[in-house]
């Protein structure tokens, strides 16, 4: 599977880190991503400290493997991130 430069495959997960200018921007990004993830009924494992957000994607119902759902959510997250770049 080919992914954007923001994502790498590791331990059957798509993993990415995103940096922002401050906490408000990071939290705004997470809020936008959360709303899209909910629409897709596909929720990330993620965390945040100040201006850094890290995300791990895999599909639980597929045995915690990377599926098209993960690739699609990664693309949506990348599109959201472009608003902050």
C-alpha atoms as a PDB file:
ATOM      1  CA  UNK A   1       0.000   0.000   0.000  1.00  0.00           C
ATOM      2  CA  UNK A   2       1.276   3.465  -0.849  1.00  0.00           C
ATOM      3  CA  UNK A   3       0.759   6.229   1.685  1.00  0.00           C
ATOM      4  CA  UNK A   4       1.572   9.911   1.902  1.00  0.00           C
ATOM      5  CA  UNK A   5       4.878  10.971   3.390  1.00  0.00           C
ATOM      6  CA  UNK A   6       3.104  11.660   6.686  1.00  0.00           C
ATOM      7  CA  UNK A   7       2.403   7.952   7.263  1.00  0.00           C
ATOM      8  CA  UNK A   8       4.540   4.870   7.736  1.00  0.00           C
ATOM      9  CA  UNK A   9       3.606   1.233   8.215  1.00  0.00           C
ATOM     10  CA  UNK A  10       4.804  -0.274  11.480  1.00  0.00           C
ATOM     11  CA  UNK A  11       3.525  -3.295  13.422  1.00  0.00           C
ATOM     12  CA  UNK A  12       0.440  -3.644  11.178  1.00  0.00           C
ATOM     13  CA  UNK A  13      -0.524  -0.008  11.761  1.00  0.00           C
ATOM     14  CA  UNK A  14      -0.359   3.249   9.861  1.00  0.00           C
ATOM     15  CA  UNK A  15       1.490   5.707  12.089  1.00  0.00           C
ATOM     16  CA  UNK A  16       1.935   9.465  11.777  1.00  0.00           C
ATOM     17  CA  UNK A  17       2.969  12.477  13.839  1.00  0.00           C
ATOM     18  CA  UNK A  18       1.799  15.996  13.139  1.00  0.00           C
ATOM     19  CA  UNK A  19       3.285  19.209  14.531  1.00  0.00           C
ATOM     20  CA  UNK A  20       1.419  22.490  14.967  1.00  0.00           C
ATOM     21  CA  UNK A  21       2.292  26.005  16.088  1.00  0.00           C
ATOM     22  CA  UNK A  22       0.536  25.582  19.454  1.00  0.00           C
ATOM     23  CA  UNK A  23      -1.946  23.560  21.492  1.00  0.00           C
ATOM     24  CA  UNK A  24      -5.008  25.368  20.115  1.00  0.00           C
ATOM     25  CA  UNK A  25      -4.069  24.467  16.561  1.00  0.00           C
ATOM     26  CA  UNK A  26      -3.328  20.845  17.507  1.00  0.00           C
ATOM     27  CA  UNK A  27      -6.629  20.492  19.330  1.00  0.00           C
ATOM     28  CA  UNK A  28      -8.525  22.107  16.460  1.00  0.00           C
ATOM     29  CA  UNK A  29      -6.968  19.559  14.089  1.00  0.00           C
ATOM     30  CA  UNK A  30      -7.935  16.702  16.402  1.00  0.00           C
ATOM     31  CA  UNK A  31     -11.503  17.976  16.624  1.00  0.00           C
ATOM     32  CA  UNK A  32     -11.842  18.157  12.840  1.00  0.00           C
ATOM     33  CA  UNK A  33     -10.298  14.696  12.452  1.00  0.00           C
ATOM     34  CA  UNK A  34     -12.555  13.259  15.173  1.00  0.00           C
ATOM     35  CA  UNK A  35     -15.682  14.509  13.420  1.00  0.00           C
ATOM     36  CA  UNK A  36     -14.605  12.901  10.138  1.00  0.00           C
ATOM     37  CA  UNK A  37     -13.598   9.650  11.874  1.00  0.00           C
ATOM     38  CA  UNK A  38     -17.023   9.482  13.502  1.00  0.00           C
ATOM     39  CA  UNK A  39     -18.722   9.935  10.115  1.00  0.00           C
ATOM     40  CA  UNK A  40     -16.649   7.015   8.832  1.00  0.00           C
ATOM     41  CA  UNK A  41     -17.294   4.961  11.994  1.00  0.00           C
ATOM     42  CA  UNK A  42     -13.540   4.337  12.134  1.00  0.00           C
ATOM     43  CA  UNK A  43     -11.734   5.759  15.140  1.00  0.00           C
ATOM     44  CA  UNK A  44      -7.993   6.331  15.580  1.00  0.00           C
ATOM     45  CA  UNK A  45      -5.741   5.502  18.488  1.00  0.00           C
ATOM     46  CA  UNK A  46      -4.113   8.848  19.142  1.00  0.00           C
ATOM     47  CA  UNK A  47      -2.619  11.247  21.620  1.00  0.00           C
ATOM     48  CA  UNK A  48      -1.581  14.833  22.015  1.00  0.00           C
ATOM     49  CA  UNK A  49       0.977  16.796  23.993  1.00  0.00           C
ATOM     50  CA  UNK A  50       0.965  20.553  23.466  1.00  0.00           C
ATOM     51  CA  UNK A  51       1.613  21.052  19.712  1.00  0.00           C
ATOM     52  CA  UNK A  52       2.189  17.403  18.722  1.00  0.00           C
ATOM     53  CA  UNK A  53      -0.443  14.840  17.698  1.00  0.00           C
ATOM     54  CA  UNK A  54       0.373  11.191  17.030  1.00  0.00           C
ATOM     55  CA  UNK A  55      -2.010   8.780  15.357  1.00  0.00           C
ATOM     56  CA  UNK A  56      -2.097   5.012  14.838  1.00  0.00           C
ATOM     57  CA  UNK A  57      -4.610   3.411  12.480  1.00  0.00           C
ATOM     58  CA  UNK A  58      -5.578  -0.250  12.112  1.00  0.00           C
ATOM     59  CA  UNK A  59      -8.860  -2.106  11.774  1.00  0.00           C
ATOM     60  CA  UNK A  60      -9.871  -4.054  14.866  1.00  0.00           C
ATOM     61  CA  UNK A  61     -12.480  -6.139  13.039  1.00  0.00           C
ATOM     62  CA  UNK A  62      -9.789  -7.270  10.559  1.00  0.00           C
ATOM     63  CA  UNK A  63      -7.469  -8.571  13.273  1.00  0.00           C
ATOM     64  CA  UNK A  64      -5.779  -5.221  13.870  1.00  0.00           C
ATOM     65  CA  UNK A  65      -4.413  -5.054  10.331  1.00  0.00           C
ATOM     66  CA  UNK A  66      -4.265  -2.144   7.899  1.00  0.00           C
ATOM     67  CA  UNK A  67      -7.285  -2.065   5.598  1.00  0.00           C
ATOM     68  CA  UNK A  68      -8.833   0.315   3.094  1.00  0.00           C
ATOM     69  CA  UNK A  69     -10.676   1.979   6.000  1.00  0.00           C
ATOM     70  CA  UNK A  70      -7.322   3.003   7.482  1.00  0.00           C
ATOM     71  CA  UNK A  71      -5.949   4.233   4.188  1.00  0.00           C
ATOM     72  CA  UNK A  72      -9.085   6.305   3.584  1.00  0.00           C
ATOM     73  CA  UNK A  73      -9.024   7.821   7.079  1.00  0.00           C
ATOM     74  CA  UNK A  74      -5.315   8.626   6.645  1.00  0.00           C
ATOM     75  CA  UNK A  75      -6.171  10.480   3.414  1.00  0.00           C
ATOM     76  CA  UNK A  76      -8.928  12.429   5.181  1.00  0.00           C
ATOM     77  CA  UNK A  77      -6.550  13.311   8.031  1.00  0.00           C
ATOM     78  CA  UNK A  78      -3.922  14.472   5.528  1.00  0.00           C
ATOM     79  CA  UNK A  79      -6.500  16.733   3.877  1.00  0.00           C
ATOM     80  CA  UNK A  80      -7.379  18.241   7.256  1.00  0.00           C
ATOM     81  CA  UNK A  81      -3.698  18.718   8.099  1.00  0.00           C
ATOM     82  CA  UNK A  82      -3.165  20.720   4.886  1.00  0.00           C
ATOM     83  CA  UNK A  83      -5.351  23.445   6.399  1.00  0.00           C
ATOM     84  CA  UNK A  84      -2.635  24.003   9.024  1.00  0.00           C
ATOM     85  CA  UNK A  85       0.501  23.728   6.879  1.00  0.00           C
END
